[in-house]
Amino acid sequence: MTQQTKRYLSIIILFAVGGYFVWVGEGWRIAGAPAQWAGYIFAAIGAAGLLGFNIWFGGPLDKRGDAEHKGKSAPPESAPRD
C-alpha cells in the first residue's frame, strides 16, 4: 500500500469518526464537552487534508517523507561507528 493510499484511507477514517461523533451528538460527553464538537473537529481536519494542507506534519504519513522512500527497496546499512 502506498503512502498516498494510506493518507486517503486515513482521511476517510477521520470523516467516518467525525460523522459518528456528530451523529451521537449531545448524548455523549468527552471531558465534559459534547462529542458533537469532537466530530466537527475531526471533520475539519479531514477537510483540511483533502484541501492539500499537510495535516500529517512530522508524522509517518507526511508527504515530505515520500521522496526519501521513493525507489528504496531495503533500508540502508548503517555506517560503522568509531
N, C-alpha and C. Protein backbone atom coordinates (compact mmCIF):
# COMPACT_ATOMS: atom_id res chain seq x y z
N MET A 1 0.85 -1.17 0.00
CA MET A 1 0.00 0.00 0.00
C MET A 1 0.91 1.24 0.00
N THR A 2 0.63 2.16 -0.88
CA THR A 2 1.46 3.36 -0.99
C THR A 2 1.12 4.36 0.10
N GLN A 3 2.02 5.30 0.30
CA GLN A 3 1.80 6.35 1.30
C GLN A 3 0.56 7.17 0.94
N GLN A 4 0.37 7.45 -0.35
CA GLN A 4 -0.79 8.23 -0.79
C GLN A 4 -2.09 7.50 -0.45
N THR A 5 -2.12 6.19 -0.65
CA THR A 5 -3.29 5.40 -0.32
C THR A 5 -3.56 5.43 1.18
N LYS A 6 -2.50 5.33 1.97
CA LYS A 6 -2.65 5.40 3.43
C LYS A 6 -3.21 6.75 3.86
N ARG A 7 -2.74 7.82 3.20
CA ARG A 7 -3.26 9.15 3.54
C ARG A 7 -4.74 9.25 3.23
N TYR A 8 -5.15 8.77 2.04
CA TYR A 8 -6.57 8.83 1.68
C TYR A 8 -7.43 7.99 2.62
N LEU A 9 -6.97 6.80 2.96
CA LEU A 9 -7.73 5.97 3.89
C LEU A 9 -7.84 6.63 5.27
N SER A 10 -6.78 7.27 5.69
CA SER A 10 -6.81 7.96 6.98
C SER A 10 -7.80 9.11 6.97
N ILE A 11 -7.87 9.83 5.86
CA ILE A 11 -8.83 10.93 5.75
C ILE A 11 -10.25 10.38 5.76
N ILE A 12 -10.48 9.27 5.09
CA ILE A 12 -11.81 8.65 5.10
C ILE A 12 -12.18 8.24 6.52
N ILE A 13 -11.22 7.68 7.25
CA ILE A 13 -11.47 7.28 8.64
C ILE A 13 -11.76 8.51 9.51
N LEU A 14 -11.04 9.61 9.28
CA LEU A 14 -11.31 10.84 10.02
C LEU A 14 -12.74 11.31 9.79
N PHE A 15 -13.19 11.28 8.53
CA PHE A 15 -14.57 11.67 8.24
C PHE A 15 -15.57 10.71 8.88
N ALA A 16 -15.28 9.43 8.87
CA ALA A 16 -16.19 8.44 9.45
C ALA A 16 -16.31 8.65 10.96
N VAL A 17 -15.18 8.82 11.63
CA VAL A 17 -15.21 9.05 13.08
C VAL A 17 -15.90 10.37 13.40
N GLY A 18 -15.58 11.40 12.62
CA GLY A 18 -16.23 12.69 12.82
C GLY A 18 -17.74 12.60 12.62
N GLY A 19 -18.16 11.91 11.57
CA GLY A 19 -19.59 11.75 11.33
C GLY A 19 -20.28 10.98 12.44
N TYR A 20 -19.60 9.96 12.96
CA TYR A 20 -20.19 9.19 14.06
C TYR A 20 -20.36 10.06 15.31
N PHE A 21 -19.32 10.84 15.62
CA PHE A 21 -19.43 11.71 16.80
C PHE A 21 -20.51 12.77 16.62
N VAL A 22 -20.65 13.30 15.42
CA VAL A 22 -21.72 14.27 15.18
C VAL A 22 -23.07 13.59 15.31
N TRP A 23 -23.16 12.36 14.84
CA TRP A 23 -24.42 11.62 14.89
C TRP A 23 -24.85 11.33 16.33
N VAL A 24 -23.90 10.88 17.19
CA VAL A 24 -24.29 10.60 18.58
C VAL A 24 -24.53 11.89 19.34
N GLY A 25 -23.93 12.97 18.86
CA GLY A 25 -24.23 14.32 19.32
C GLY A 25 -24.18 14.56 20.80
N GLU A 26 -25.26 15.08 21.30
CA GLU A 26 -25.34 15.52 22.68
C GLU A 26 -25.37 14.36 23.67
N GLY A 27 -25.61 13.16 23.21
CA GLY A 27 -25.73 12.02 24.11
C GLY A 27 -24.43 11.63 24.81
N TRP A 28 -23.31 11.87 24.18
CA TRP A 28 -22.01 11.51 24.76
C TRP A 28 -21.25 12.77 25.12
N ARG A 29 -20.42 12.64 26.12
CA ARG A 29 -19.56 13.75 26.54
C ARG A 29 -18.11 13.28 26.57
N ILE A 30 -17.22 14.13 26.10
CA ILE A 30 -15.79 13.86 26.14
C ILE A 30 -15.17 14.97 26.98
N ALA A 31 -14.71 14.62 28.16
CA ALA A 31 -14.14 15.59 29.10
C ALA A 31 -15.10 16.75 29.34
N GLY A 32 -16.38 16.44 29.44
CA GLY A 32 -17.40 17.45 29.74
C GLY A 32 -17.97 18.16 28.53
N ALA A 33 -17.35 18.02 27.37
CA ALA A 33 -17.84 18.68 26.16
C ALA A 33 -18.64 17.67 25.33
N PRO A 34 -19.66 18.13 24.62
CA PRO A 34 -20.42 17.22 23.77
C PRO A 34 -19.54 16.57 22.71
N ALA A 35 -19.78 15.29 22.44
CA ALA A 35 -19.00 14.56 21.44
C ALA A 35 -19.17 15.17 20.06
N GLN A 36 -20.26 15.87 19.86
CA GLN A 36 -20.53 16.51 18.58
C GLN A 36 -19.41 17.49 18.21
N TRP A 37 -18.88 18.19 19.19
CA TRP A 37 -17.79 19.14 18.92
C TRP A 37 -16.56 18.40 18.41
N ALA A 38 -16.24 17.27 19.02
CA ALA A 38 -15.10 16.47 18.56
C ALA A 38 -15.33 16.01 17.12
N GLY A 39 -16.57 15.67 16.80
CA GLY A 39 -16.90 15.25 15.43
C GLY A 39 -16.63 16.35 14.42
N TYR A 40 -16.99 17.57 14.76
CA TYR A 40 -16.73 18.69 13.85
C TYR A 40 -15.22 18.93 13.70
N ILE A 41 -14.47 18.74 14.77
CA ILE A 41 -13.01 18.91 14.69
C ILE A 41 -12.40 17.85 13.79
N PHE A 42 -12.82 16.58 13.96
CA PHE A 42 -12.32 15.51 13.09
C PHE A 42 -12.66 15.80 11.63
N ALA A 43 -13.88 16.24 11.37
CA ALA A 43 -14.30 16.55 10.00
C ALA A 43 -13.49 17.72 9.44
N ALA A 44 -13.20 18.73 10.24
CA ALA A 44 -12.41 19.87 9.78
C ALA A 44 -10.98 19.45 9.44
N ILE A 45 -10.40 18.55 10.23
CA ILE A 45 -9.06 18.06 9.94
C ILE A 45 -9.07 17.26 8.64
N GLY A 46 -10.09 16.43 8.45
CA GLY A 46 -10.21 15.67 7.20
C GLY A 46 -10.38 16.59 6.00
N ALA A 47 -11.18 17.63 6.14
CA ALA A 47 -11.37 18.59 5.04
C ALA A 47 -10.07 19.31 4.73
N ALA A 48 -9.30 19.66 5.76
CA ALA A 48 -8.01 20.31 5.52
C ALA A 48 -7.08 19.38 4.75
N GLY A 49 -7.11 18.10 5.07
CA GLY A 49 -6.29 17.13 4.35
C GLY A 49 -6.69 17.02 2.89
N LEU A 50 -7.99 17.05 2.62
CA LEU A 50 -8.46 16.99 1.23
C LEU A 50 -8.10 18.24 0.45
N LEU A 51 -8.03 19.37 1.15
CA LEU A 51 -7.68 20.63 0.50
C LEU A 51 -6.18 20.78 0.27
N GLY A 52 -5.39 19.81 0.74
CA GLY A 52 -3.97 19.84 0.46
C GLY A 52 -3.09 20.31 1.60
N PHE A 53 -3.67 20.66 2.74
CA PHE A 53 -2.86 21.04 3.88
C PHE A 53 -2.12 19.81 4.41
N ASN A 54 -0.93 20.01 4.91
CA ASN A 54 -0.15 18.90 5.44
C ASN A 54 -0.57 18.64 6.89
N ILE A 55 -1.65 17.87 7.06
CA ILE A 55 -2.15 17.59 8.40
C ILE A 55 -1.33 16.52 9.09
N TRP A 56 -0.42 15.89 8.37
CA TRP A 56 0.42 14.82 8.94
C TRP A 56 1.82 15.32 9.26
N PHE A 57 2.01 16.61 9.44
CA PHE A 57 3.32 17.23 9.61
C PHE A 57 4.18 16.48 10.62
N GLY A 58 5.29 15.94 10.15
CA GLY A 58 6.24 15.25 11.01
C GLY A 58 5.87 13.82 11.35
N GLY A 59 4.72 13.36 10.88
CA GLY A 59 4.28 12.00 11.20
C GLY A 59 4.64 11.01 10.10
N PRO A 60 4.23 9.77 10.28
CA PRO A 60 4.57 8.74 9.29
C PRO A 60 3.89 8.94 7.94
N LEU A 61 2.83 9.74 7.88
CA LEU A 61 2.13 9.97 6.61
C LEU A 61 2.45 11.34 6.01
N ASP A 62 3.52 11.98 6.48
CA ASP A 62 3.93 13.29 5.98
C ASP A 62 4.37 13.16 4.52
N LYS A 63 3.83 14.02 3.64
CA LYS A 63 4.15 13.97 2.21
C LYS A 63 5.63 14.21 1.95
N ARG A 64 6.29 14.96 2.80
CA ARG A 64 7.70 15.26 2.58
C ARG A 64 8.57 14.02 2.69
N GLY A 65 8.10 12.99 3.39
CA GLY A 65 8.87 11.76 3.53
C GLY A 65 8.78 10.84 2.32
N ASP A 66 7.87 11.13 1.39
CA ASP A 66 7.71 10.28 0.21
C ASP A 66 8.98 10.26 -0.65
N ALA A 67 9.65 11.38 -0.77
CA ALA A 67 10.86 11.45 -1.59
C ALA A 67 11.96 10.57 -1.01
N GLU A 68 12.01 10.46 0.31
CA GLU A 68 13.02 9.64 0.95
C GLU A 68 12.78 8.15 0.68
N HIS A 69 11.52 7.75 0.62
CA HIS A 69 11.17 6.33 0.46
C HIS A 69 11.09 5.89 -0.99
N LYS A 70 11.04 6.83 -1.90
CA LYS A 70 10.86 6.50 -3.31
C LYS A 70 12.09 5.79 -3.84
N GLY A 71 11.89 4.64 -4.42
CA GLY A 71 12.97 3.90 -5.04
C GLY A 71 13.81 3.07 -4.10
N LYS A 72 13.49 3.05 -2.85
CA LYS A 72 14.28 2.25 -1.90
C LYS A 72 13.56 0.93 -1.66
N SER A 73 14.27 -0.16 -1.83
CA SER A 73 13.66 -1.46 -1.59
C SER A 73 14.09 -2.03 -0.25
N ALA A 74 15.22 -1.59 0.25
CA ALA A 74 15.72 -2.09 1.54
C ALA A 74 16.30 -0.93 2.32
N PRO A 75 16.24 -0.99 3.63
CA PRO A 75 16.82 0.11 4.41
C PRO A 75 18.34 0.14 4.25
N PRO A 76 18.91 1.33 4.25
CA PRO A 76 20.37 1.42 4.07
C PRO A 76 21.09 0.84 5.28
N GLU A 77 22.25 0.28 4.99
CA GLU A 77 23.04 -0.27 6.08
C GLU A 77 23.70 0.87 6.82
N SER A 78 23.78 0.75 8.12
CA SER A 78 24.38 1.83 8.89
C SER A 78 25.90 1.79 8.75
N ALA A 79 26.47 2.94 8.73
CA ALA A 79 27.92 3.05 8.60
C ALA A 79 28.57 2.65 9.92
N PRO A 80 29.75 2.04 9.85
CA PRO A 80 30.43 1.66 11.09
C PRO A 80 30.79 2.90 11.90
N ARG A 81 30.63 2.79 13.19
CA ARG A 81 30.92 3.91 14.08
C ARG A 81 32.29 3.74 14.70
N ASP A 82 32.95 4.84 14.90
CA ASP A 82 34.29 4.80 15.52
C ASP A 82 34.19 4.73 17.03
